[in-house]
Each structure stands twice: as C-alpha cells, then as structure tokens.
PDB file of N, CA and C in Angstrom:
ATOM      1  N   UNK A   1     134.974 124.291 120.018  1.00  0.00           N
ATOM      2  CA  UNK A   1     134.226 125.455 120.494  1.00  0.00           C
ATOM      3  C   UNK A   1     133.047 125.753 119.561  1.00  0.00           C
ATOM      4  N   UNK A   2     133.300 125.768 118.283  1.00  0.00           N
ATOM      5  CA  UNK A   2     132.231 126.059 117.329  1.00  0.00           C
ATOM      6  C   UNK A   2     131.159 124.968 117.367  1.00  0.00           C
ATOM      7  N   UNK A   3     131.590 123.731 117.593  1.00  0.00           N
ATOM      8  CA  UNK A   3     130.648 122.616 117.665  1.00  0.00           C
ATOM      9  C   UNK A   3     129.661 122.817 118.812  1.00  0.00           C
ATOM     10  N   UNK A   4     130.147 123.297 119.942  1.00  0.00           N
ATOM     11  CA  UNK A   4     129.282 123.550 121.101  1.00  0.00           C
ATOM     12  C   UNK A   4     128.282 124.668 120.791  1.00  0.00           C
ATOM     13  N   UNK A   5     128.757 125.708 120.108  1.00  0.00           N
ATOM     14  CA  UNK A   5     127.859 126.805 119.708  1.00  0.00           C
ATOM     15  C   UNK A   5     126.788 126.305 118.758  1.00  0.00           C
ATOM     16  N   UNK A   6     127.184 125.426 117.834  1.00  0.00           N
ATOM     17  CA  UNK A   6     126.216 124.863 116.888  1.00  0.00           C
ATOM     18  C   UNK A   6     125.143 124.053 117.617  1.00  0.00           C
ATOM     19  N   UNK A   7     125.551 123.305 118.637  1.00  0.00           N
ATOM     20  CA  UNK A   7     124.595 122.525 119.425  1.00  0.00           C
ATOM     21  C   UNK A   7     123.623 123.442 120.162  1.00  0.00           C
ATOM     22  N   UNK A   8     124.154 124.512 120.717  1.00  0.00           N
ATOM     23  CA  UNK A   8     123.303 125.468 121.435  1.00  0.00           C
ATOM     24  C   UNK A   8     122.316 126.116 120.477  1.00  0.00           C
ATOM     25  N   UNK A   9     122.811 126.517 119.310  1.00  0.00           N
ATOM     26  CA  UNK A   9     121.935 127.146 118.311  1.00  0.00           C
ATOM     27  C   UNK A   9     120.845 126.170 117.878  1.00  0.00           C
ATOM     28  N   UNK A  10     121.221 124.928 117.627  1.00  0.00           N
ATOM     29  CA  UNK A  10     120.237 123.914 117.217  1.00  0.00           C
ATOM     30  C   UNK A  10     119.194 123.704 118.307  1.00  0.00           C
ATOM     31  N   UNK A  11     119.644 123.660 119.551  1.00  0.00           N
ATOM     32  CA  UNK A  11     118.719 123.477 120.669  1.00  0.00           C
ATOM     33  C   UNK A  11     117.763 124.655 120.792  1.00  0.00           C
ATOM     34  N   UNK A  12     118.293 125.855 120.649  1.00  0.00           N
ATOM     35  CA  UNK A  12     117.437 127.051 120.743  1.00  0.00           C
ATOM     36  C   UNK A  12     116.444 127.119 119.578  1.00  0.00           C
ATOM     37  N   UNK A  13     116.897 126.710 118.410  1.00  0.00           N
ATOM     38  CA  UNK A  13     115.976 126.680 117.253  1.00  0.00           C
ATOM     39  C   UNK A  13     114.839 125.699 117.510  1.00  0.00           C
ATOM     40  N   UNK A  14     115.176 124.527 118.070  1.00  0.00           N
ATOM     41  CA  UNK A  14     114.137 123.533 118.373  1.00  0.00           C
ATOM     42  C   UNK A  14     113.160 124.087 119.412  1.00  0.00           C
ATOM     43  N   UNK A  15     113.688 124.737 120.449  1.00  0.00           N
ATOM     44  CA  UNK A  15     112.809 125.321 121.464  1.00  0.00           C
ATOM     45  C   UNK A  15     111.895 126.377 120.851  1.00  0.00           C
ATOM     46  N   UNK A  16     112.448 127.192 119.958  1.00  0.00           N
ATOM     47  CA  UNK A  16     111.660 128.226 119.295  1.00  0.00           C
ATOM     48  C   UNK A  16     110.574 127.599 118.428  1.00  0.00           C
ATOM     49  N   UNK A  17     110.928 126.570 117.669  1.00  0.00           N
ATOM     50  CA  UNK A  17     109.940 125.899 116.827  1.00  0.00           C
ATOM     51  C   UNK A  17     108.846 125.235 117.659  1.00  0.00           C
ATOM     52  N   UNK A  18     109.239 124.610 118.778  1.00  0.00           N
ATOM     53  CA  UNK A  18     108.254 123.980 119.662  1.00  0.00           C
ATOM     54  C   UNK A  18     107.306 125.023 120.248  1.00  0.00           C
ATOM     55  N   UNK A  19     107.862 126.151 120.696  1.00  0.00           N
ATOM     56  CA  UNK A  19     107.030 127.215 121.261  1.00  0.00           C
ATOM     57  C   UNK A  19     106.097 127.775 120.199  1.00  0.00           C
ATOM     58  N   UNK A  20     106.603 127.952 118.985  1.00  0.00           N
ATOM     59  CA  UNK A  20     105.769 128.471 117.908  1.00  0.00           C
ATOM     60  C   UNK A  20     104.630 127.505 117.583  1.00  0.00           C
ATOM     61  N   UNK A  21     104.909 126.210 117.594  1.00  0.00           N
ATOM     62  CA  UNK A  21     103.862 125.210 117.343  1.00  0.00           C
ATOM     63  C   UNK A  21     102.775 125.288 118.404  1.00  0.00           C
ATOM     64  N   UNK A  22     103.185 125.471 119.660  1.00  0.00           N
ATOM     65  CA  UNK A  22     102.212 125.586 120.748  1.00  0.00           C
ATOM     66  C   UNK A  22     101.367 126.850 120.579  1.00  0.00           C
ATOM     67  N   UNK A  23     101.992 127.944 120.174  1.00  0.00           N
ATOM     68  CA  UNK A  23     101.252 129.194 119.950  1.00  0.00           C
ATOM     69  C   UNK A  23     100.223 129.005 118.854  1.00  0.00           C
ATOM     70  N   UNK A  24     100.615 128.373 117.771  1.00  0.00           N
ATOM     71  CA  UNK A  24      99.689 128.137 116.660  1.00  0.00           C
ATOM     72  C   UNK A  24      98.512 127.284 117.127  1.00  0.00           C
ATOM     73  N   UNK A  25      98.795 126.231 117.889  1.00  0.00           N
ATOM     74  CA  UNK A  25      97.727 125.362 118.391  1.00  0.00           C
ATOM     75  C   UNK A  25      96.787 126.137 119.308  1.00  0.00           C
ATOM     76  N   UNK A  26      97.337 126.975 120.175  1.00  0.00           N
ATOM     77  CA  UNK A  26      96.497 127.769 121.082  1.00  0.00           C
ATOM     78  C   UNK A  26      95.663 128.794 120.314  1.00  0.00           C
ATOM     79  N   UNK A  27      96.237 129.389 119.278  1.00  0.00           N
ATOM     80  CA  UNK A  27      95.470 130.329 118.461  1.00  0.00           C
ATOM     81  C   UNK A  27      94.312 129.621 117.764  1.00  0.00           C
ATOM     82  N   UNK A  28      94.561 128.403 117.272  1.00  0.00           N
ATOM     83  CA  UNK A  28      93.498 127.630 116.626  1.00  0.00           C
ATOM     84  C   UNK A  28      92.414 127.253 117.628  1.00  0.00           C
ATOM     85  N   UNK A  29      92.826 126.843 118.824  1.00  0.00           N
ATOM     86  CA  UNK A  29      91.864 126.490 119.862  1.00  0.00           C
ATOM     87  C   UNK A  29      91.033 127.715 120.255  1.00  0.00           C
ATOM     88  N   UNK A  30      91.681 128.853 120.379  1.00  0.00           N
ATOM     89  CA  UNK A  30      90.987 130.087 120.721  1.00  0.00           C
ATOM     90  C   UNK A  30      89.965 130.452 119.648  1.00  0.00           C
ATOM     91  N   UNK A  31      90.345 130.324 118.388  1.00  0.00           N
ATOM     92  CA  UNK A  31      89.424 130.627 117.298  1.00  0.00           C
ATOM     93  C   UNK A  31      88.216 129.692 117.336  1.00  0.00           C
ATOM     94  N   UNK A  32      88.446 128.419 117.617  1.00  0.00           N
ATOM     95  CA  UNK A  32      87.346 127.461 117.712  1.00  0.00           C
ATOM     96  C   UNK A  32      86.420 127.807 118.869  1.00  0.00           C
ATOM     97  N   UNK A  33      87.001 128.157 120.016  1.00  0.00           N
ATOM     98  CA  UNK A  33      86.175 128.513 121.171  1.00  0.00           C
ATOM     99  C   UNK A  33      85.381 129.792 120.913  1.00  0.00           C
ATOM    100  N   UNK A  34      85.990 130.761 120.242  1.00  0.00           N
ATOM    101  CA  UNK A  34      85.259 131.983 119.891  1.00  0.00           C
ATOM    102  C   UNK A  34      84.099 131.661 118.955  1.00  0.00           C
ATOM    103  N   UNK A  35      84.351 130.788 117.988  1.00  0.00           N
ATOM    104  CA  UNK A  35      83.300 130.367 117.057  1.00  0.00           C
ATOM    105  C   UNK A  35      82.161 129.680 117.808  1.00  0.00           C
ATOM    106  N   UNK A  36      82.520 128.762 118.709  1.00  0.00           N
ATOM    107  CA  UNK A  36      81.494 128.054 119.482  1.00  0.00           C
ATOM    108  C   UNK A  36      80.708 129.015 120.366  1.00  0.00           C
ATOM    109  N   UNK A  37      81.376 130.007 120.937  1.00  0.00           N
ATOM    110  CA  UNK A  37      80.699 130.992 121.776  1.00  0.00           C
ATOM    111  C   UNK A  37      79.687 131.795 120.962  1.00  0.00           C
ATOM    112  N   UNK A  38      80.090 132.216 119.781  1.00  0.00           N
ATOM    113  CA  UNK A  38      79.171 132.968 118.921  1.00  0.00           C
ATOM    114  C   UNK A  38      77.971 132.108 118.551  1.00  0.00           C
ATOM    115  N   UNK A  39      78.212 130.851 118.192  1.00  0.00           N
ATOM    116  CA  UNK A  39      77.100 129.948 117.832  1.00  0.00           C
ATOM    117  C   UNK A  39      76.180 129.748 119.036  1.00  0.00           C
ATOM    118  N   UNK A  40      76.766 129.600 120.231  1.00  0.00           N
ATOM    119  CA  UNK A  40      75.982 129.429 121.451  1.00  0.00           C
ATOM    120  C   UNK A  40      75.128 130.668 121.706  1.00  0.00           C
ATOM    121  N   UNK A  41      75.746 131.824 121.576  1.00  0.00           N
ATOM    122  CA  UNK A  41      75.015 133.070 121.811  1.00  0.00           C
ATOM    123  C   UNK A  41      73.873 133.230 120.814  1.00  0.00           C
ATOM    124  N   UNK A  42      74.128 132.883 119.564  1.00  0.00           N
ATOM    125  CA  UNK A  42      73.077 132.977 118.544  1.00  0.00           C
ATOM    126  C   UNK A  42      71.940 132.010 118.841  1.00  0.00           C
ATOM    127  N   UNK A  43      72.280 130.803 119.232  1.00  0.00           N
ATOM    128  CA  UNK A  43      71.275 129.774 119.488  1.00  0.00           C
ATOM    129  C   UNK A  43      70.442 130.097 120.719  1.00  0.00           C
ATOM    130  N   UNK A  44      71.031 130.793 121.678  1.00  0.00           N
ATOM    131  CA  UNK A  44      70.337 131.083 122.927  1.00  0.00           C
ATOM    132  C   UNK A  44      69.941 132.536 123.071  1.00  0.00           C
ATOM    133  N   UNK A  45      70.098 133.296 121.986  1.00  0.00           N
ATOM    134  CA  UNK A  45      69.755 134.717 121.988  1.00  0.00           C
ATOM    135  C   UNK A  45      70.392 135.439 123.168  1.00  0.00           C
ATOM    136  N   UNK A  46      71.638 135.109 123.430  1.00  0.00           N
ATOM    137  CA  UNK A  46      72.375 135.734 124.512  1.00  0.00           C
ATOM    138  C   UNK A  46      73.137 136.915 123.930  1.00  0.00           C
ATOM    139  N   UNK A  47      73.104 138.029 124.636  1.00  0.00           N
ATOM    140  CA  UNK A  47      73.869 139.173 124.147  1.00  0.00           C
ATOM    141  C   UNK A  47      75.353 138.869 124.276  1.00  0.00           C
ATOM    142  N   UNK A  48      76.145 139.330 123.331  1.00  0.00           N
ATOM    143  CA  UNK A  48      77.583 139.044 123.380  1.00  0.00           C
ATOM    144  C   UNK A  48      78.220 139.582 124.646  1.00  0.00           C
ATOM    145  N   UNK A  49      79.210 138.874 125.111  1.00  0.00           N
ATOM    146  CA  UNK A  49      79.929 139.309 126.303  1.00  0.00           C
ATOM    147  C   UNK A  49      80.741 140.558 125.970  1.00  0.00           C
ATOM    148  N   UNK A  50      80.870 141.421 126.936  1.00  0.00           N
ATOM    149  CA  UNK A  50      81.706 142.610 126.753  1.00  0.00           C
ATOM    150  C   UNK A  50      83.127 142.242 127.124  1.00  0.00           C
ATOM    151  N   UNK A  51      84.039 142.456 126.209  1.00  0.00           N
ATOM    152  CA  UNK A  51      85.433 142.050 126.434  1.00  0.00           C
ATOM    153  C   UNK A  51      86.244 143.235 126.896  1.00  0.00           C
TER     154      UNK A  51
END
C-alpha cells in the first residue's frame, strides 16, 4: 500500500516539476517578446500599446 502511495507521490512531483519548467520557459519567452516589442516601438516611434 505504501509503495503505491510513493509511486503516486513521485508521479505528482514529476508532473509538478514538468509544469513548473513549462511556466519558467513561458515566462522567459514572454520577457523576450516584451523586450522585442519595446525595441520595435522605439525603432518605429510607435506609441506603446495600452494594456
């Protein structure tokens, strides 16, 4: 019984770590896109978008 619980816990930990890795990657991608948008706006004298 305890062995099955350990397997479930290990599986949930892996899912949590995988989800966290995806969140980190998306946050990095978002930061890069925001940076590129600012550079684009500066280069083209475009007023910043209203969020």
